[in-house]
Amino acid sequence: MTSPATANETRYALTQEPSKAIRRVGYVLSALAVLFLLMDIAMKLLALPIVLTSSTQLGYPGTPAMARTLGLLLLACTALYVYPRTAVLGAVLLTAFLGGTVATHLRVGNPLFTHTLFGVYLALFLWGGLWLRDAGLRALFPWHR
């Protein structure tokens, strides 16, 4: 059990603005995730053959309309994540989208660590980056030693 002084000190440390180095790491994690998402969005909006083929193999309609719809949905969620005032909402929506990808890969029996869990890895980058640069989020989800 921690003493009240220790709990208050911990709460204060979590609500302080992150250091410049921590904030930079957060931005790098977020940027890596967003860059991957932007590549995926572009591939879907262009309805590249690999996207259409993969969709069919995963049990979804391999049509350009379906690919573009998913691309627009992913673009909207990513835009919400990139805008600081709606970043948490964007992270929640992207996590839901990525949960669907995990379920899809699990359903078709794709390899666990390379395909099925890739959405989890991406979500960890999204949330980790946000957590490192947002004091309010760190106060809501504290990391205790």
C-alpha atoms as a PDB file:
ATOM      1  CA  MET A   1       0.000   0.000   0.000  1.00  0.00           C
ATOM      2  CA  THR A   2       1.403   3.404  -0.874  1.00  0.00           C
ATOM      3  CA  SER A   3       1.264   6.320   1.475  1.00  0.00           C
ATOM      4  CA  PRO A   4      -0.888   9.338   0.530  1.00  0.00           C
ATOM      5  CA  ALA A   5       2.241  11.402  -0.098  1.00  0.00           C
ATOM      6  CA  THR A   6       3.571   8.830  -2.535  1.00  0.00           C
ATOM      7  CA  ALA A   7       0.217   8.557  -4.309  1.00  0.00           C
ATOM      8  CA  ASN A   8       0.018  12.347  -4.642  1.00  0.00           C
ATOM      9  CA  GLU A   9       3.574  12.512  -5.957  1.00  0.00           C
ATOM     10  CA  THR A  10       2.788   9.798  -8.507  1.00  0.00           C
ATOM     11  CA  ARG A  11      -0.412  11.554  -9.593  1.00  0.00           C
ATOM     12  CA  TYR A  12       1.497  14.847  -9.942  1.00  0.00           C
ATOM     13  CA  ALA A  13       4.270  13.213 -11.976  1.00  0.00           C
ATOM     14  CA  LEU A  14       1.734  11.626 -14.340  1.00  0.00           C
ATOM     15  CA  THR A  15      -0.117  14.887 -14.970  1.00  0.00           C
ATOM     16  CA  GLN A  16       3.047  16.867 -15.654  1.00  0.00           C
ATOM     17  CA  GLU A  17       3.862  17.622 -19.258  1.00  0.00           C
ATOM     18  CA  PRO A  18       6.179  14.943 -20.658  1.00  0.00           C
ATOM     19  CA  SER A  19       9.820  15.747 -21.234  1.00  0.00           C
ATOM     20  CA  LYS A  20      10.913  16.752 -24.707  1.00  0.00           C
ATOM     21  CA  ALA A  21      12.593  13.377 -25.301  1.00  0.00           C
ATOM     22  CA  ILE A  22       9.529  11.394 -24.172  1.00  0.00           C
ATOM     23  CA  ARG A  23       7.247  13.542 -26.329  1.00  0.00           C
ATOM     24  CA  ARG A  24       9.539  12.991 -29.338  1.00  0.00           C
ATOM     25  CA  VAL A  25       9.438   9.221 -28.859  1.00  0.00           C
ATOM     26  CA  GLY A  26       5.641   9.477 -28.709  1.00  0.00           C
ATOM     27  CA  TYR A  27       5.532  11.435 -31.957  1.00  0.00           C
ATOM     28  CA  VAL A  28       7.872   8.944 -33.659  1.00  0.00           C
ATOM     29  CA  LEU A  29       5.701   5.978 -32.616  1.00  0.00           C
ATOM     30  CA  SER A  30       2.571   7.780 -33.791  1.00  0.00           C
ATOM     31  CA  ALA A  31       4.211   8.865 -37.054  1.00  0.00           C
ATOM     32  CA  LEU A  32       5.303   5.310 -37.876  1.00  0.00           C
ATOM     33  CA  ALA A  33       1.766   4.042 -37.335  1.00  0.00           C
ATOM     34  CA  VAL A  34       0.227   6.900 -39.336  1.00  0.00           C
ATOM     35  CA  LEU A  35       2.665   6.398 -42.214  1.00  0.00           C
ATOM     36  CA  PHE A  36       1.705   2.741 -42.434  1.00  0.00           C
ATOM     37  CA  LEU A  37      -1.988   3.667 -42.298  1.00  0.00           C
ATOM     38  CA  LEU A  38      -1.524   6.269 -45.054  1.00  0.00           C
ATOM     39  CA  MET A  39       0.129   3.661 -47.262  1.00  0.00           C
ATOM     40  CA  ASP A  40      -2.762   1.272 -46.604  1.00  0.00           C
ATOM     41  CA  ILE A  41      -5.306   4.043 -47.282  1.00  0.00           C
ATOM     42  CA  ALA A  42      -3.643   4.918 -50.600  1.00  0.00           C
ATOM     43  CA  MET A  43      -3.610   1.271 -51.689  1.00  0.00           C
ATOM     44  CA  LYS A  44      -7.297   0.914 -50.836  1.00  0.00           C
ATOM     45  CA  LEU A  45      -8.373   4.193 -52.474  1.00  0.00           C
ATOM     46  CA  LEU A  46      -6.487   3.253 -55.638  1.00  0.00           C
ATOM     47  CA  ALA A  47      -8.083  -0.213 -55.447  1.00  0.00           C
ATOM     48  CA  LEU A  48      -4.794  -1.859 -56.340  1.00  0.00           C
ATOM     49  CA  PRO A  49      -5.033  -5.452 -57.592  1.00  0.00           C
ATOM     50  CA  ILE A  50      -3.220  -6.770 -54.499  1.00  0.00           C
ATOM     51  CA  VAL A  51      -5.915  -5.201 -52.293  1.00  0.00           C
ATOM     52  CA  LEU A  52      -8.733  -6.720 -54.331  1.00  0.00           C
ATOM     53  CA  THR A  53      -7.069 -10.153 -54.393  1.00  0.00           C
ATOM     54  CA  SER A  54      -6.329 -10.073 -50.659  1.00  0.00           C
ATOM     55  CA  SER A  55      -9.890  -9.025 -49.851  1.00  0.00           C
ATOM     56  CA  THR A  56     -11.236 -11.991 -51.787  1.00  0.00           C
ATOM     57  CA  GLN A  57      -8.806 -14.374 -50.052  1.00  0.00           C
ATOM     58  CA  LEU A  58      -9.975 -13.013 -46.675  1.00  0.00           C
ATOM     59  CA  GLY A  59     -13.617 -13.631 -47.556  1.00  0.00           C
ATOM     60  CA  TYR A  60     -14.681 -10.087 -48.404  1.00  0.00           C
ATOM     61  CA  PRO A  61     -15.926  -8.738 -51.731  1.00  0.00           C
ATOM     62  CA  GLY A  62     -12.889  -8.017 -53.876  1.00  0.00           C
ATOM     63  CA  THR A  63     -14.494  -5.007 -55.525  1.00  0.00           C
ATOM     64  CA  PRO A  64     -13.057  -1.520 -55.994  1.00  0.00           C
ATOM     65  CA  ALA A  65     -16.121  -0.061 -54.248  1.00  0.00           C
ATOM     66  CA  MET A  66     -15.465  -2.140 -51.114  1.00  0.00           C
ATOM     67  CA  ALA A  67     -11.761  -1.262 -51.113  1.00  0.00           C
ATOM     68  CA  ARG A  68     -12.495   2.454 -51.512  1.00  0.00           C
ATOM     69  CA  THR A  69     -15.140   2.379 -48.780  1.00  0.00           C
ATOM     70  CA  LEU A  70     -12.664   0.811 -46.365  1.00  0.00           C
ATOM     71  CA  GLY A  71     -10.035   3.327 -47.465  1.00  0.00           C
ATOM     72  CA  LEU A  72     -12.350   6.268 -46.777  1.00  0.00           C
ATOM     73  CA  LEU A  73     -13.331   4.854 -43.391  1.00  0.00           C
ATOM     74  CA  LEU A  74      -9.700   4.346 -42.472  1.00  0.00           C
ATOM     75  CA  LEU A  75      -8.849   7.848 -43.726  1.00  0.00           C
ATOM     76  CA  ALA A  76     -11.538   9.406 -41.508  1.00  0.00           C
ATOM     77  CA  CYS A  77     -10.341   7.509 -38.424  1.00  0.00           C
ATOM     78  CA  THR A  78      -6.700   8.382 -39.144  1.00  0.00           C
ATOM     79  CA  ALA A  79      -7.563  12.067 -39.623  1.00  0.00           C
ATOM     80  CA  LEU A  80      -9.268  12.067 -36.223  1.00  0.00           C
ATOM     81  CA  TYR A  81      -6.153  10.497 -34.708  1.00  0.00           C
ATOM     82  CA  VAL A  82      -3.795  13.035 -36.289  1.00  0.00           C
ATOM     83  CA  TYR A  83      -5.794  16.058 -35.076  1.00  0.00           C
ATOM     84  CA  PRO A  84      -4.727  16.599 -31.421  1.00  0.00           C
ATOM     85  CA  ARG A  85      -8.171  17.499 -30.052  1.00  0.00           C
ATOM     86  CA  THR A  86      -9.715  14.276 -31.403  1.00  0.00           C
ATOM     87  CA  ALA A  87      -6.677  12.000 -31.132  1.00  0.00           C
ATOM     88  CA  VAL A  88      -8.162   9.771 -28.421  1.00  0.00           C
ATOM     89  CA  LEU A  89     -11.393   9.304 -30.394  1.00  0.00           C
ATOM     90  CA  GLY A  90      -9.316   8.483 -33.473  1.00  0.00           C
ATOM     91  CA  ALA A  91      -7.280   5.961 -31.482  1.00  0.00           C
ATOM     92  CA  VAL A  92     -10.461   4.283 -30.219  1.00  0.00           C
ATOM     93  CA  LEU A  93     -11.915   4.056 -33.732  1.00  0.00           C
ATOM     94  CA  LEU A  94      -8.646   2.814 -35.220  1.00  0.00           C
ATOM     95  CA  THR A  95      -8.422   0.196 -32.467  1.00  0.00           C
ATOM     96  CA  ALA A  96     -11.898  -1.026 -33.414  1.00  0.00           C
ATOM     97  CA  PHE A  97     -10.916  -1.138 -37.098  1.00  0.00           C
ATOM     98  CA  LEU A  98      -7.726  -3.033 -36.266  1.00  0.00           C
ATOM     99  CA  GLY A  99      -9.684  -5.417 -34.058  1.00  0.00           C
ATOM    100  CA  GLY A 100     -11.632  -6.354 -37.157  1.00  0.00           C
ATOM    101  CA  THR A 101      -8.412  -7.118 -38.979  1.00  0.00           C
ATOM    102  CA  VAL A 102      -7.251  -9.333 -36.128  1.00  0.00           C
ATOM    103  CA  ALA A 103     -10.574 -11.217 -36.153  1.00  0.00           C
ATOM    104  CA  THR A 104     -10.426 -11.622 -39.926  1.00  0.00           C
ATOM    105  CA  HIS A 105      -6.906 -13.044 -39.922  1.00  0.00           C
ATOM    106  CA  LEU A 106      -7.768 -15.321 -37.005  1.00  0.00           C
ATOM    107  CA  ARG A 107     -10.870 -16.580 -38.832  1.00  0.00           C
ATOM    108  CA  VAL A 108      -8.955 -17.571 -41.972  1.00  0.00           C
ATOM    109  CA  GLY A 109      -6.109 -19.148 -40.006  1.00  0.00           C
ATOM    110  CA  ASN A 110      -3.273 -16.829 -41.012  1.00  0.00           C
ATOM    111  CA  PRO A 111       0.035 -17.026 -39.092  1.00  0.00           C
ATOM    112  CA  LEU A 112      -0.328 -15.606 -35.576  1.00  0.00           C
ATOM    113  CA  PHE A 113       2.699 -13.350 -35.112  1.00  0.00           C
ATOM    114  CA  THR A 114       3.054 -11.973 -38.653  1.00  0.00           C
ATOM    115  CA  HIS A 115      -0.537 -11.545 -39.809  1.00  0.00           C
ATOM    116  CA  THR A 116      -3.062 -12.003 -37.027  1.00  0.00           C
ATOM    117  CA  LEU A 117      -1.337  -9.871 -34.392  1.00  0.00           C
ATOM    118  CA  PHE A 118      -0.169  -7.137 -36.783  1.00  0.00           C
ATOM    119  CA  GLY A 119      -3.238  -5.039 -35.913  1.00  0.00           C
ATOM    120  CA  VAL A 120      -2.324  -5.355 -32.239  1.00  0.00           C
ATOM    121  CA  TYR A 121       1.230  -4.166 -32.933  1.00  0.00           C
ATOM    122  CA  LEU A 122      -0.094  -1.175 -34.855  1.00  0.00           C
ATOM    123  CA  ALA A 123      -2.574  -0.334 -32.089  1.00  0.00           C
ATOM    124  CA  LEU A 124       0.259  -0.465 -29.528  1.00  0.00           C
ATOM    125  CA  PHE A 125       2.182   2.086 -31.596  1.00  0.00           C
ATOM    126  CA  LEU A 126      -0.906   4.314 -31.855  1.00  0.00           C
ATOM    127  CA  TRP A 127      -1.771   4.181 -28.150  1.00  0.00           C
ATOM    128  CA  GLY A 128       1.863   4.126 -26.982  1.00  0.00           C
ATOM    129  CA  GLY A 129       2.669   7.242 -28.980  1.00  0.00           C
ATOM    130  CA  LEU A 130      -0.420   9.007 -27.692  1.00  0.00           C
ATOM    131  CA  TRP A 131       0.224   7.927 -24.104  1.00  0.00           C
ATOM    132  CA  LEU A 132       3.818   9.180 -24.178  1.00  0.00           C
ATOM    133  CA  ARG A 133       2.901  12.656 -25.404  1.00  0.00           C
ATOM    134  CA  ASP A 134      -0.396  13.244 -23.563  1.00  0.00           C
ATOM    135  CA  ALA A 135      -0.271  13.927 -19.827  1.00  0.00           C
ATOM    136  CA  GLY A 136      -4.045  13.612 -19.480  1.00  0.00           C
ATOM    137  CA  LEU A 137      -4.015  10.141 -20.984  1.00  0.00           C
ATOM    138  CA  ARG A 138      -1.145   9.118 -18.695  1.00  0.00           C
ATOM    139  CA  ALA A 139      -3.158  10.336 -15.707  1.00  0.00           C
ATOM    140  CA  LEU A 140      -6.153   8.302 -16.889  1.00  0.00           C
ATOM    141  CA  PHE A 141      -4.040   5.163 -17.482  1.00  0.00           C
ATOM    142  CA  PRO A 142      -1.128   5.435 -15.021  1.00  0.00           C
ATOM    143  CA  TRP A 143       1.887   3.183 -15.164  1.00  0.00           C
ATOM    144  CA  HIS A 144       2.851   2.106 -11.655  1.00  0.00           C
ATOM    145  CA  ARG A 145       6.268   0.884 -10.665  1.00  0.00           C
END
